[in-house]
N, C-alpha and C. Protein backbone atom coordinates (compact mmCIF):
# COMPACT_ATOMS: atom_id res chain seq x y z
N MET A 1 -5.14 -23.69 7.14
CA MET A 1 -5.08 -22.42 7.66
C MET A 1 -3.61 -21.90 7.66
N THR A 2 -3.36 -20.62 7.20
CA THR A 2 -2.11 -20.00 7.28
C THR A 2 -2.31 -19.00 8.36
N LYS A 3 -1.36 -19.06 9.38
CA LYS A 3 -1.32 -18.31 10.51
C LYS A 3 -0.27 -17.25 10.45
N PHE A 4 -0.46 -16.03 10.59
CA PHE A 4 0.65 -15.03 10.39
C PHE A 4 0.91 -14.52 11.75
N SER A 5 2.33 -14.10 11.96
CA SER A 5 2.82 -13.64 13.31
C SER A 5 2.14 -12.40 13.69
N LYS A 6 1.83 -11.58 12.73
CA LYS A 6 1.17 -10.20 13.06
C LYS A 6 -0.21 -10.23 12.25
N PRO A 7 -1.19 -9.54 12.83
CA PRO A 7 -2.45 -9.51 12.17
C PRO A 7 -2.31 -9.14 10.62
N PHE A 8 -3.20 -9.80 9.84
CA PHE A 8 -3.17 -9.68 8.44
C PHE A 8 -4.22 -8.75 8.01
N TYR A 9 -5.14 -8.65 8.91
CA TYR A 9 -6.21 -7.70 8.59
C TYR A 9 -6.83 -7.17 9.98
N THR A 10 -7.69 -6.26 9.76
CA THR A 10 -8.34 -5.80 10.94
C THR A 10 -9.78 -5.52 10.89
N THR A 11 -10.49 -5.62 11.92
CA THR A 11 -12.01 -5.20 11.73
C THR A 11 -12.39 -3.84 12.45
N SER A 12 -13.27 -3.11 11.73
CA SER A 12 -13.56 -1.94 12.49
C SER A 12 -15.12 -1.90 12.50
N PHE A 13 -15.72 -1.26 13.40
CA PHE A 13 -17.07 -1.04 13.73
C PHE A 13 -17.40 0.48 13.76
N SER A 14 -18.70 0.84 13.33
CA SER A 14 -19.12 2.10 13.55
C SER A 14 -20.44 2.04 14.09
N LEU A 15 -20.83 2.82 15.07
CA LEU A 15 -22.11 2.81 15.68
C LEU A 15 -22.75 4.15 15.24
N VAL A 16 -23.80 4.23 14.34
CA VAL A 16 -24.28 5.36 13.84
C VAL A 16 -25.64 5.44 14.23
N VAL A 17 -26.04 6.74 14.58
CA VAL A 17 -27.45 7.00 15.05
C VAL A 17 -27.91 8.34 14.27
N ASP A 18 -28.89 8.28 13.65
CA ASP A 18 -29.47 9.50 12.96
C ASP A 18 -29.57 10.76 14.01
N LYS A 19 -29.24 11.84 13.61
CA LYS A 19 -29.21 12.91 14.43
C LYS A 19 -30.60 13.34 14.89
N ASP A 20 -31.62 13.16 14.18
CA ASP A 20 -32.91 13.24 14.61
C ASP A 20 -33.40 12.25 15.70
N LYS A 21 -33.11 11.13 15.43
CA LYS A 21 -33.33 9.97 16.34
C LYS A 21 -32.60 10.29 17.72
N TRP A 22 -31.40 10.55 17.66
CA TRP A 22 -30.46 10.82 18.80
C TRP A 22 -31.13 11.97 19.64
N SER A 23 -31.66 12.85 19.05
CA SER A 23 -32.27 13.97 19.72
C SER A 23 -33.45 13.56 20.47
N ASP A 24 -34.05 12.46 19.99
CA ASP A 24 -35.36 11.89 20.66
C ASP A 24 -35.02 11.06 21.98
N ILE A 25 -33.89 10.74 22.00
CA ILE A 25 -33.34 9.91 23.13
C ILE A 25 -33.05 10.84 24.29
N SER A 26 -33.38 10.38 25.45
CA SER A 26 -33.35 11.18 26.73
C SER A 26 -31.80 11.46 26.98
N PRO A 27 -31.50 12.61 27.57
CA PRO A 27 -29.94 12.78 27.92
C PRO A 27 -29.38 11.66 28.68
N GLU A 28 -30.20 11.17 29.72
CA GLU A 28 -29.60 9.99 30.40
C GLU A 28 -29.23 8.79 29.51
N ASP A 29 -30.30 8.41 28.72
CA ASP A 29 -30.02 7.39 27.81
C ASP A 29 -28.79 7.68 26.72
N GLN A 30 -28.71 8.89 26.42
CA GLN A 30 -27.60 9.27 25.49
C GLN A 30 -26.19 9.14 26.36
N ALA A 31 -26.31 9.45 27.53
CA ALA A 31 -25.00 9.30 28.44
C ALA A 31 -24.69 7.84 28.55
N ALA A 32 -25.79 7.00 28.83
CA ALA A 32 -25.44 5.53 29.02
C ALA A 32 -24.99 4.94 27.76
N THR A 33 -25.49 5.38 26.53
CA THR A 33 -25.03 4.98 25.23
C THR A 33 -23.59 5.25 25.15
N MET A 34 -23.22 6.43 25.40
CA MET A 34 -21.91 6.94 25.23
C MET A 34 -20.91 6.21 26.09
N GLU A 35 -21.38 5.78 27.32
CA GLU A 35 -20.50 5.05 28.19
C GLU A 35 -20.12 3.63 27.66
N VAL A 36 -20.82 3.13 26.91
CA VAL A 36 -20.62 1.75 26.47
C VAL A 36 -20.14 1.79 24.99
N SER A 37 -19.75 2.91 24.42
CA SER A 37 -19.43 3.13 23.13
C SER A 37 -17.93 3.41 23.04
N GLY A 38 -17.42 3.69 21.86
CA GLY A 38 -16.07 4.15 21.81
C GLY A 38 -14.98 3.03 22.17
N SER A 39 -14.05 3.17 22.87
CA SER A 39 -13.00 2.34 23.26
C SER A 39 -13.60 1.22 24.11
N TYR A 40 -14.64 1.52 24.83
CA TYR A 40 -15.17 0.27 25.60
C TYR A 40 -15.83 -0.79 24.69
N PHE A 41 -16.58 -0.26 23.69
CA PHE A 41 -17.21 -1.21 22.81
C PHE A 41 -16.12 -1.78 21.99
N GLY A 42 -15.18 -1.17 21.49
CA GLY A 42 -14.05 -1.76 20.77
C GLY A 42 -13.42 -2.82 21.45
N ALA A 43 -13.12 -2.56 22.79
CA ALA A 43 -12.39 -3.51 23.60
C ALA A 43 -13.22 -4.77 23.79
N LYS A 44 -14.51 -4.69 24.11
CA LYS A 44 -15.42 -5.82 24.21
C LYS A 44 -15.63 -6.53 22.79
N ALA A 45 -15.77 -5.84 21.73
CA ALA A 45 -15.86 -6.55 20.47
C ALA A 45 -14.63 -7.23 20.11
N GLY A 46 -13.50 -6.57 20.29
CA GLY A 46 -12.14 -7.37 20.05
C GLY A 46 -11.88 -8.49 20.83
N ALA A 47 -12.29 -8.36 22.13
CA ALA A 47 -12.03 -9.62 22.96
C ALA A 47 -13.11 -10.70 22.55
N THR A 48 -14.21 -10.41 22.24
CA THR A 48 -15.13 -11.44 21.58
C THR A 48 -14.71 -12.05 20.44
N LEU A 49 -14.22 -11.31 19.41
CA LEU A 49 -13.70 -11.90 18.27
C LEU A 49 -12.49 -12.67 18.52
N ASP A 50 -11.58 -12.24 19.38
CA ASP A 50 -10.51 -13.11 19.74
C ASP A 50 -10.74 -14.45 20.34
N ALA A 51 -11.74 -14.52 21.34
CA ALA A 51 -12.31 -15.60 22.09
C ALA A 51 -12.96 -16.51 21.02
N VAL A 52 -13.74 -16.10 20.06
CA VAL A 52 -14.35 -16.93 19.13
C VAL A 52 -13.30 -17.58 18.19
N GLY A 53 -12.35 -16.67 17.75
CA GLY A 53 -11.28 -17.14 16.95
C GLY A 53 -10.49 -18.36 17.54
N ALA A 54 -10.18 -18.15 18.76
CA ALA A 54 -9.52 -19.28 19.48
C ALA A 54 -10.18 -20.39 19.59
N GLU A 55 -11.56 -20.31 20.10
CA GLU A 55 -12.35 -21.46 19.98
C GLU A 55 -12.53 -22.16 18.68
N VAL A 56 -12.67 -21.66 17.56
CA VAL A 56 -12.72 -22.14 16.18
C VAL A 56 -11.34 -22.85 16.05
N CYS A 57 -10.26 -22.20 16.16
CA CYS A 57 -8.92 -22.77 15.90
C CYS A 57 -8.65 -24.04 16.69
N ALA A 58 -9.14 -24.04 17.90
CA ALA A 58 -9.01 -25.29 18.76
C ALA A 58 -9.65 -26.46 18.24
N LYS A 59 -10.70 -26.29 17.42
CA LYS A 59 -11.41 -27.36 16.84
C LYS A 59 -10.72 -27.84 15.49
N PHE A 60 -9.71 -27.14 14.93
CA PHE A 60 -9.13 -27.57 13.62
C PHE A 60 -8.58 -29.02 13.75
N PRO A 61 -7.75 -29.34 14.87
CA PRO A 61 -7.21 -30.79 14.69
C PRO A 61 -8.24 -31.84 14.61
N SER A 62 -9.24 -31.66 15.27
CA SER A 62 -10.40 -32.71 15.11
C SER A 62 -11.08 -32.74 13.85
N LEU A 63 -10.91 -31.62 13.16
CA LEU A 63 -11.57 -31.49 11.69
C LEU A 63 -10.50 -31.73 10.64
N ASP A 64 -9.24 -32.19 11.04
CA ASP A 64 -8.20 -32.40 10.07
C ASP A 64 -7.79 -31.12 9.37
N ILE A 65 -7.94 -30.11 9.90
CA ILE A 65 -7.55 -28.87 9.26
C ILE A 65 -6.08 -28.43 9.77
N SER A 66 -5.21 -28.27 8.87
CA SER A 66 -3.78 -28.14 9.12
C SER A 66 -3.53 -26.47 9.37
N ILE A 67 -2.69 -26.24 10.38
CA ILE A 67 -2.23 -24.88 10.64
C ILE A 67 -0.71 -24.67 10.15
N HIS A 68 -0.64 -23.71 9.25
CA HIS A 68 0.81 -23.47 8.88
C HIS A 68 1.21 -22.11 9.23
N GLU A 69 2.37 -21.96 9.72
CA GLU A 69 2.92 -20.65 10.04
C GLU A 69 3.44 -20.02 8.86
N ALA A 70 3.00 -18.74 8.52
CA ALA A 70 3.50 -18.01 7.36
C ALA A 70 5.05 -17.67 7.59
N ASP A 71 5.70 -17.89 6.35
CA ASP A 71 7.07 -17.60 6.38
C ASP A 71 7.34 -15.99 6.30
N PRO A 72 7.71 -15.25 7.39
CA PRO A 72 7.69 -13.83 7.27
C PRO A 72 8.82 -13.29 6.28
N VAL A 73 9.91 -14.16 6.10
CA VAL A 73 10.91 -13.77 5.04
C VAL A 73 10.24 -13.81 3.62
N GLY A 74 9.63 -14.95 3.44
CA GLY A 74 8.88 -15.08 2.12
C GLY A 74 7.92 -14.06 1.77
N LEU A 75 7.19 -13.52 2.78
CA LEU A 75 6.14 -12.41 2.65
C LEU A 75 6.85 -11.16 2.32
N LEU A 76 7.96 -10.91 2.99
CA LEU A 76 8.69 -9.65 2.67
C LEU A 76 9.33 -9.56 1.29
N GLN A 77 9.60 -10.81 0.75
CA GLN A 77 10.23 -10.83 -0.68
C GLN A 77 9.22 -10.76 -1.74
N GLN A 78 7.95 -10.83 -1.44
CA GLN A 78 6.98 -10.70 -2.50
C GLN A 78 6.89 -9.24 -2.99
N GLN A 79 6.69 -9.00 -4.26
CA GLN A 79 6.42 -7.86 -4.85
C GLN A 79 5.10 -7.69 -5.23
N TYR A 80 4.45 -6.47 -4.97
CA TYR A 80 3.15 -6.27 -5.33
C TYR A 80 2.96 -5.33 -6.41
């Protein structure tokens, strides 16, 4: 595995509800849904992905998977 000092990619999520279905949901449930959406959901999802990633990487040595640090200078010199 090659490990980068800064994130090489990012994950994004979208929660989408059909307008007609949303209007069928009670105002109280709409409010509750909004409370756990947006930045709250993003923080929870990000923390979960970070925890799972750390758990998986911790198993690498027992699986004989080598971890290599990417050379930031070499990355900057590449031309695309």
